[in-house]
Amino acid sequence: MKKSYLKVGIAGYGYVGQKRRKILNNISGIKIVAISDNNPKYRINEKKIKFFKNYNDLFSEDLDVLFISLPNKYAADATIKAIKNNINVFCEKPPARNINELKEVLKEFKKKRGKIKLKYGFNHRYHDSIIWAKKIIDSKKYGKLINLKGLYGKSKIISLKGGWRTKKSMAGGGILLDQGIHMLDLMRYFCGDFAEIKSFVSNYYWKHKVEDNAYIIMRSNKKIVAMLHSTATQWQHQFRIEITLEKALIYLTGILSGSMTYGEEKIEIQPKLSKNKKTTKRSFNKDLSWKREISEYIDCIKFNKKIYNGTIFESIKVMKMIDTIYKSDNEWKEKYLG
């Protein structure tokens, strides 16, 4: 690579944008040159970094990479504009408000494929417990995967910047699109694509125009069944996945996060009942996922490596799953399409 450093811009400088910057500051060959946010409290006064209120102004800068952590309404638009300007893009999840917006991103990406690196922030793949579980599944040490059960829940739909996450026009969806998308991605990551999806989706409790609960059951072509409850009525925050293999149960509980409200991140491997086999347990107390994710992405740009996690094609598949979940419940389908 000819350049001595990559010029980086950050669109959206709330909690996530700031966290991304902290990681980038510790990666060699990076120079943050511009940041945008329309909230005055996030304004920075640093001589070496330009600050804009509108993310569109970032495209007047000579950027190599753009990190996007904007409200969902603007994610696809900012990504498309970056692609058209030949800028590498890292965009937070969800990649768009809906599958149709993401398909427009895909059209532009295909025109520049091989010239830019596009990656989406499916951060949970980089957690220690997930990495370990994936290795065990792929090793076939305990046989084939039979089924999965997942719960990912918080106590409300978080209201930010005037409550944009509760507004369909801004967010596109509720708890499933905001948080459940991580669990759907992990289930695909563990066992592949699902051929059948059934659901019940509701907004009965918080009564926003976006969902506060989604109950989902899915089946793959290999007859692996997965069940997921994505909820904003879980009064004690929870992250749990049960992975049943032919000879063992993998039990993941807790996930290290910024809020530290999901409990200790742990993995247990419980072998099929036997006198001589013991349960293996391990806990993790440091979240290295953000560093791993960003370091991997920057390396892909610097050394022209292929993106393997968080690709546009994987994101399209997850967004199609969410679209199917919304439409599978006839009552919610009317609300979703209306």
Protein backbone atom coordinates (compact mmCIF):
# COMPACT_ATOMS: atom_id res chain seq x y z
CA MET A 1 0.00 0.00 0.00
CA LYS A 2 1.40 3.40 -1.07
CA LYS A 3 -0.29 5.66 1.50
CA SER A 4 1.40 6.08 4.86
CA TYR A 5 -1.99 6.31 6.58
CA LEU A 6 -5.72 6.04 5.92
CA LYS A 7 -7.84 9.17 6.25
CA VAL A 8 -10.92 8.30 8.28
CA GLY A 9 -14.25 10.04 8.77
CA ILE A 10 -16.93 9.24 11.34
CA ALA A 11 -20.60 9.93 10.54
CA GLY A 12 -22.53 10.02 13.81
CA TYR A 13 -20.63 10.73 17.00
CA GLY A 14 -22.88 9.38 19.75
CA TYR A 15 -21.91 6.49 22.01
CA VAL A 16 -21.03 4.09 19.19
CA GLY A 17 -19.18 6.63 17.07
CA GLN A 18 -17.09 7.67 20.06
CA LYS A 19 -16.33 4.05 20.94
CA ARG A 20 -15.22 3.34 17.37
CA ARG A 21 -12.92 6.35 17.52
CA LYS A 22 -11.25 5.13 20.73
CA ILE A 23 -10.38 1.86 19.01
CA LEU A 24 -9.20 3.59 15.83
CA ASN A 25 -6.92 5.86 17.86
CA ASN A 26 -4.91 2.78 18.85
CA ILE A 27 -4.49 1.34 15.35
CA SER A 28 -1.40 2.34 13.40
CA GLY A 29 -1.78 3.87 9.95
CA ILE A 30 -5.02 5.67 10.83
CA LYS A 31 -5.70 9.41 10.84
CA ILE A 32 -9.17 10.65 11.79
CA VAL A 33 -9.70 13.83 9.78
CA ALA A 34 -13.44 14.56 9.98
CA ILE A 35 -16.46 13.86 12.18
CA SER A 36 -20.13 14.77 11.81
CA ASP A 37 -23.10 14.89 14.18
CA ASN A 38 -26.17 17.12 14.32
CA ASN A 39 -26.34 17.05 18.12
CA PRO A 40 -24.49 20.06 19.64
CA LYS A 41 -23.42 18.08 22.72
CA TYR A 42 -21.23 15.84 20.55
CA ARG A 43 -19.42 18.72 18.88
CA ILE A 44 -15.64 18.55 19.12
CA ASN A 45 -13.11 21.39 19.04
CA GLU A 46 -9.92 19.85 17.78
CA LYS A 47 -7.66 21.67 15.33
CA LYS A 48 -6.66 18.57 13.38
CA ILE A 49 -10.21 17.26 12.93
CA LYS A 50 -12.96 18.98 10.97
CA PHE A 51 -16.44 18.84 12.48
CA PHE A 52 -19.68 19.03 10.50
CA LYS A 53 -23.33 19.08 11.54
CA ASN A 54 -24.43 17.19 8.42
CA TYR A 55 -22.87 13.90 7.29
CA ASN A 56 -23.21 14.99 3.65
CA ASP A 57 -20.44 17.54 4.26
CA LEU A 58 -18.01 14.69 4.95
CA PHE A 59 -17.96 13.88 1.25
CA SER A 60 -16.17 17.14 0.52
CA GLU A 61 -13.17 15.64 2.35
CA ASP A 62 -10.56 13.32 0.85
CA LEU A 63 -11.53 10.23 2.85
CA ASP A 64 -10.27 6.68 2.50
CA VAL A 65 -12.66 5.17 5.06
CA LEU A 66 -16.00 6.21 6.52
CA PHE A 67 -17.42 4.76 9.74
CA ILE A 68 -21.22 5.19 9.84
CA SER A 69 -23.10 5.22 13.13
CA LEU A 70 -26.11 7.30 12.12
CA PRO A 71 -29.81 6.73 12.86
CA ASN A 72 -31.20 3.94 10.68
CA LYS A 73 -32.96 6.35 8.31
CA TYR A 74 -29.63 7.65 7.01
CA ALA A 75 -27.51 4.48 7.02
CA ALA A 76 -28.18 3.36 3.45
CA ASP A 77 -28.00 6.88 2.03
CA ALA A 78 -24.63 7.59 3.66
CA THR A 79 -23.29 4.21 2.53
CA ILE A 80 -24.36 4.74 -1.08
CA LYS A 81 -22.80 8.21 -1.18
CA ALA A 82 -19.56 6.88 0.25
CA ILE A 83 -19.45 4.07 -2.32
CA LYS A 84 -20.04 6.56 -5.16
CA ASN A 85 -17.11 8.58 -3.79
CA ASN A 86 -14.87 5.49 -3.76
CA ILE A 87 -14.69 5.48 0.04
CA ASN A 88 -14.39 2.25 2.03
CA VAL A 89 -17.33 1.87 4.42
CA PHE A 90 -17.89 0.35 7.85
CA CYS A 91 -21.57 0.75 8.78
CA GLU A 92 -23.21 -0.21 12.05
CA LYS A 93 -26.17 -2.57 12.10
CA PRO A 94 -28.89 -2.46 11.03
CA PRO A 95 -27.56 -1.76 7.53
CA ALA A 96 -30.80 -0.02 6.53
CA ARG A 97 -34.40 0.44 7.63
CA ASN A 98 -35.55 -2.38 5.36
CA ILE A 99 -34.48 -4.84 2.69
CA ASN A 100 -35.41 -2.55 -0.21
CA GLU A 101 -33.04 0.18 0.99
CA LEU A 102 -30.25 -2.35 1.36
CA LYS A 103 -30.83 -3.67 -2.15
CA GLU A 104 -30.10 -0.17 -3.42
CA VAL A 105 -26.81 -0.26 -1.54
CA LEU A 106 -26.02 -3.62 -3.16
CA LYS A 107 -26.60 -2.17 -6.64
CA GLU A 108 -24.02 0.56 -6.02
CA PHE A 109 -21.58 -1.82 -4.35
CA LYS A 110 -21.60 -4.18 -7.34
CA LYS A 111 -20.45 -1.30 -9.54
CA LYS A 112 -17.39 -0.80 -7.31
CA ARG A 113 -16.81 -4.39 -6.23
CA GLY A 114 -13.11 -5.07 -5.88
CA LYS A 115 -12.36 -1.38 -5.50
CA ILE A 116 -13.75 -0.71 -2.02
CA LYS A 117 -14.26 -2.67 1.19
CA LEU A 118 -17.78 -2.63 2.68
CA LYS A 119 -18.40 -4.16 6.08
CA TYR A 120 -21.33 -4.12 8.52
CA GLY A 121 -21.03 -4.13 12.30
CA PHE A 122 -22.27 -7.56 13.34
CA ASN A 123 -20.08 -7.21 16.39
CA HIS A 124 -21.29 -10.26 18.34
CA ARG A 125 -19.33 -12.63 16.08
CA TYR A 126 -16.15 -11.27 17.66
CA HIS A 127 -17.03 -12.11 21.28
CA ASP A 128 -14.97 -14.86 22.93
CA SER A 129 -17.96 -17.05 23.81
CA ILE A 130 -19.23 -16.92 20.21
CA ILE A 131 -15.79 -17.64 18.75
CA TRP A 132 -15.42 -20.68 20.98
CA ALA A 133 -18.93 -21.98 20.24
CA LYS A 134 -18.35 -21.63 16.49
CA LYS A 135 -15.10 -23.63 16.69
CA ILE A 136 -16.82 -26.42 18.61
CA ILE A 137 -19.72 -26.61 16.14
CA ASP A 138 -17.43 -26.62 13.10
CA SER A 139 -15.12 -29.26 14.62
CA LYS A 140 -18.01 -31.79 14.79
CA LYS A 141 -16.44 -33.01 18.04
CA TYR A 142 -19.91 -33.40 19.54
CA GLY A 143 -21.68 -34.34 16.34
CA LYS A 144 -24.12 -32.44 14.17
CA LEU A 145 -26.21 -29.46 15.23
CA ILE A 146 -29.83 -30.36 16.07
CA ASN A 147 -31.47 -27.15 17.26
CA LEU A 148 -30.94 -23.68 18.74
CA LYS A 149 -32.90 -21.56 21.22
CA GLY A 150 -32.17 -17.90 21.79
CA LEU A 151 -33.37 -15.05 23.99
CA TYR A 152 -32.16 -11.49 23.63
CA GLY A 153 -34.04 -8.98 25.71
CA LYS A 154 -33.95 -5.55 27.24
CA SER A 155 -36.45 -3.60 29.34
CA LYS A 156 -37.52 -1.04 26.75
CA ILE A 157 -36.86 0.36 23.31
CA ILE A 158 -34.16 2.94 23.96
CA SER A 159 -35.14 6.49 23.12
CA LEU A 160 -32.29 8.55 21.68
CA LYS A 161 -32.15 12.02 20.10
CA GLY A 162 -35.83 12.77 20.58
CA GLY A 163 -36.83 9.11 20.60
CA TRP A 164 -35.96 8.20 17.01
CA ARG A 165 -35.71 4.48 17.78
CA THR A 166 -39.44 4.40 18.60
CA LYS A 167 -40.47 6.01 15.30
CA LYS A 168 -40.98 3.75 12.30
CA SER A 169 -40.08 6.50 9.82
CA MET A 170 -36.67 6.88 11.47
CA ALA A 171 -35.91 3.38 12.73
CA GLY A 172 -37.74 1.12 10.27
CA GLY A 173 -38.37 -1.43 13.02
CA GLY A 174 -38.15 -2.01 16.74
CA ILE A 175 -36.41 -4.46 19.03
CA LEU A 176 -35.96 -7.14 16.36
CA LEU A 177 -34.25 -4.80 13.91
CA ASP A 178 -32.24 -3.06 16.62
CA GLN A 179 -31.10 -5.98 18.78
CA GLY A 180 -32.62 -9.26 17.57
CA ILE A 181 -30.72 -8.83 14.31
CA HIS A 182 -27.56 -9.87 16.17
CA MET A 183 -29.14 -13.15 17.27
CA LEU A 184 -30.46 -13.87 13.77
CA ASP A 185 -26.98 -13.28 12.39
CA LEU A 186 -25.47 -15.65 14.96
CA MET A 187 -28.02 -18.37 14.21
CA ARG A 188 -27.16 -18.14 10.50
CA TYR A 189 -23.47 -18.10 11.43
CA PHE A 190 -23.84 -21.32 13.41
CA CYS A 191 -26.04 -23.38 11.10
CA GLY A 192 -26.57 -21.69 7.72
CA ASP A 193 -29.66 -20.38 5.98
CA PHE A 194 -33.25 -21.03 7.04
CA ALA A 195 -35.82 -22.20 4.51
CA GLU A 196 -38.95 -21.68 6.63
CA ILE A 197 -39.80 -18.88 9.06
CA LYS A 198 -42.90 -18.42 11.21
CA SER A 199 -43.56 -15.60 13.67
CA PHE A 200 -45.74 -13.60 16.03
CA VAL A 201 -44.82 -9.91 16.24
CA SER A 202 -46.40 -7.34 18.52
CA ASN A 203 -46.26 -3.84 19.99
CA TYR A 204 -48.90 -4.52 22.66
CA TYR A 205 -46.92 -3.31 25.66
CA TRP A 206 -44.99 -0.15 24.75
CA LYS A 207 -47.49 0.71 21.98
CA HIS A 208 -44.95 2.37 19.69
CA LYS A 209 -45.36 1.90 15.94
CA VAL A 210 -42.43 -0.52 16.02
CA GLU A 211 -42.37 -3.99 17.59
CA ASP A 212 -41.52 -4.61 21.22
CA ASN A 213 -41.67 -8.43 20.93
CA ALA A 214 -40.98 -10.94 18.18
CA TYR A 215 -41.44 -14.69 18.67
CA ILE A 216 -39.82 -16.67 15.87
CA ILE A 217 -39.39 -20.31 14.83
CA MET A 218 -37.26 -21.27 11.85
CA ARG A 219 -36.21 -24.46 10.05
CA SER A 220 -33.28 -25.01 7.70
CA ASN A 221 -33.08 -27.35 4.71
CA LYS A 222 -31.01 -29.64 6.95
CA LYS A 223 -33.98 -29.73 9.37
CA ILE A 224 -32.20 -27.70 12.06
CA VAL A 225 -34.84 -25.80 14.06
CA ALA A 226 -34.15 -22.47 15.75
CA MET A 227 -36.37 -20.49 18.11
CA LEU A 228 -35.83 -16.88 19.06
CA HIS A 229 -37.51 -14.42 21.39
CA SER A 230 -36.44 -10.83 20.71
CA THR A 231 -38.02 -8.64 23.38
CA ALA A 232 -38.21 -5.16 24.90
CA THR A 233 -40.18 -6.46 27.90
CA GLN A 234 -37.36 -8.39 29.57
CA TRP A 235 -37.12 -6.53 32.88
CA GLN A 236 -33.69 -7.94 33.63
CA HIS A 237 -31.54 -7.75 30.49
CA GLN A 238 -30.75 -11.20 29.10
CA PHE A 239 -28.64 -12.85 26.42
CA ARG A 240 -28.91 -16.63 26.12
CA ILE A 241 -28.32 -19.22 23.43
CA GLU A 242 -28.75 -22.98 23.77
CA ILE A 243 -27.11 -24.99 21.01
CA THR A 244 -28.01 -28.68 20.98
CA LEU A 245 -25.52 -30.99 19.28
CA GLU A 246 -25.81 -34.76 18.99
CA LYS A 247 -23.49 -35.35 21.95
CA ALA A 248 -23.56 -32.11 23.95
CA LEU A 249 -25.34 -28.89 24.81
CA ILE A 250 -23.52 -25.57 24.40
CA TYR A 251 -25.00 -22.96 26.70
CA LEU A 252 -24.05 -19.31 26.19
CA THR A 253 -25.15 -16.76 28.77
CA GLY A 254 -24.42 -13.07 29.12
CA ILE A 255 -22.65 -10.81 26.67
CA LEU A 256 -20.12 -8.12 27.51
CA SER A 257 -21.49 -4.75 26.42
CA GLY A 258 -21.05 -1.05 27.10
CA SER A 259 -23.95 -1.05 29.54
CA MET A 260 -22.60 -4.15 31.38
CA THR A 261 -26.23 -5.13 32.11
CA TYR A 262 -26.33 -8.53 30.37
CA GLY A 263 -24.31 -10.34 32.99
CA GLU A 264 -21.03 -12.18 32.87
CA GLU A 265 -20.18 -13.66 29.49
CA LYS A 266 -19.96 -17.43 29.91
CA ILE A 267 -19.96 -20.65 27.95
CA GLU A 268 -20.78 -24.12 29.24
CA ILE A 269 -20.37 -27.36 27.33
CA GLN A 270 -22.61 -30.00 28.87
CA PRO A 271 -21.91 -33.47 27.40
CA LYS A 272 -24.71 -35.96 26.87
CA LEU A 273 -25.32 -37.76 30.15
CA SER A 274 -22.35 -39.95 31.04
CA LYS A 275 -20.58 -40.99 34.24
CA ASN A 276 -17.13 -40.04 32.98
CA LYS A 277 -17.82 -36.75 31.22
CA LYS A 278 -17.87 -33.40 33.02
CA THR A 279 -19.30 -30.02 32.11
CA THR A 280 -16.72 -27.54 30.82
CA LYS A 281 -17.21 -23.95 31.93
CA ARG A 282 -15.44 -20.75 31.00
CA SER A 283 -16.04 -17.06 31.73
CA PHE A 284 -14.76 -13.96 29.95
CA ASN A 285 -14.25 -10.61 31.62
CA LYS A 286 -12.82 -8.43 28.87
CA ASP A 287 -14.62 -7.33 25.72
CA LEU A 288 -12.15 -7.53 22.84
CA SER A 289 -14.84 -7.72 20.16
CA TRP A 290 -14.70 -4.08 19.06
CA LYS A 291 -10.93 -4.11 18.69
CA ARG A 292 -10.95 -7.42 16.80
CA GLU A 293 -13.68 -6.27 14.44
CA ILE A 294 -12.12 -2.93 13.52
CA SER A 295 -8.55 -4.29 13.33
CA GLU A 296 -9.70 -7.02 10.97
CA TYR A 297 -11.48 -4.47 8.76
CA ILE A 298 -8.53 -2.07 8.59
CA ASP A 299 -6.23 -4.99 7.68
CA CYS A 300 -8.59 -5.92 4.85
CA ILE A 301 -8.20 -2.41 3.45
CA LYS A 302 -4.45 -2.11 3.98
CA PHE A 303 -3.59 -5.52 2.54
CA ASN A 304 -6.51 -5.94 0.13
CA LYS A 305 -7.95 -8.94 1.97
CA LYS A 306 -11.41 -10.37 1.49
CA ILE A 307 -14.19 -9.39 3.93
CA TYR A 308 -15.51 -12.56 5.60
CA ASN A 309 -17.74 -11.28 8.40
CA GLY A 310 -20.43 -8.63 8.00
CA THR A 311 -20.44 -8.66 4.21
CA ILE A 312 -23.18 -6.95 2.18
CA PHE A 313 -24.33 -10.40 1.03
CA GLU A 314 -24.70 -11.72 4.59
CA SER A 315 -26.49 -8.50 5.54
CA ILE A 316 -28.92 -8.92 2.66
CA LYS A 317 -29.76 -12.42 3.94
CA VAL A 318 -30.36 -11.23 7.51
CA MET A 319 -32.51 -8.32 6.33
CA LYS A 320 -34.53 -10.73 4.18
CA MET A 321 -35.07 -12.84 7.29
CA ILE A 322 -36.37 -9.80 9.16
CA ASP A 323 -38.64 -8.89 6.24
CA THR A 324 -40.02 -12.45 6.26
CA ILE A 325 -40.53 -12.37 10.04
CA TYR A 326 -42.54 -9.15 9.80
CA LYS A 327 -44.65 -10.50 6.94
CA SER A 328 -45.14 -13.98 8.42
CA ASP A 329 -47.51 -12.58 11.06
CA ASN A 330 -50.54 -11.45 9.05
CA GLU A 331 -51.63 -8.93 11.66
CA TRP A 332 -48.18 -7.35 11.84
CA LYS A 333 -47.79 -7.50 8.07
CA GLU A 334 -50.45 -4.83 7.70
CA LYS A 335 -48.66 -2.57 10.19
CA TYR A 336 -45.28 -3.25 8.61
CA LEU A 337 -46.39 -2.53 5.06
CA GLY A 338 -48.75 0.28 6.01
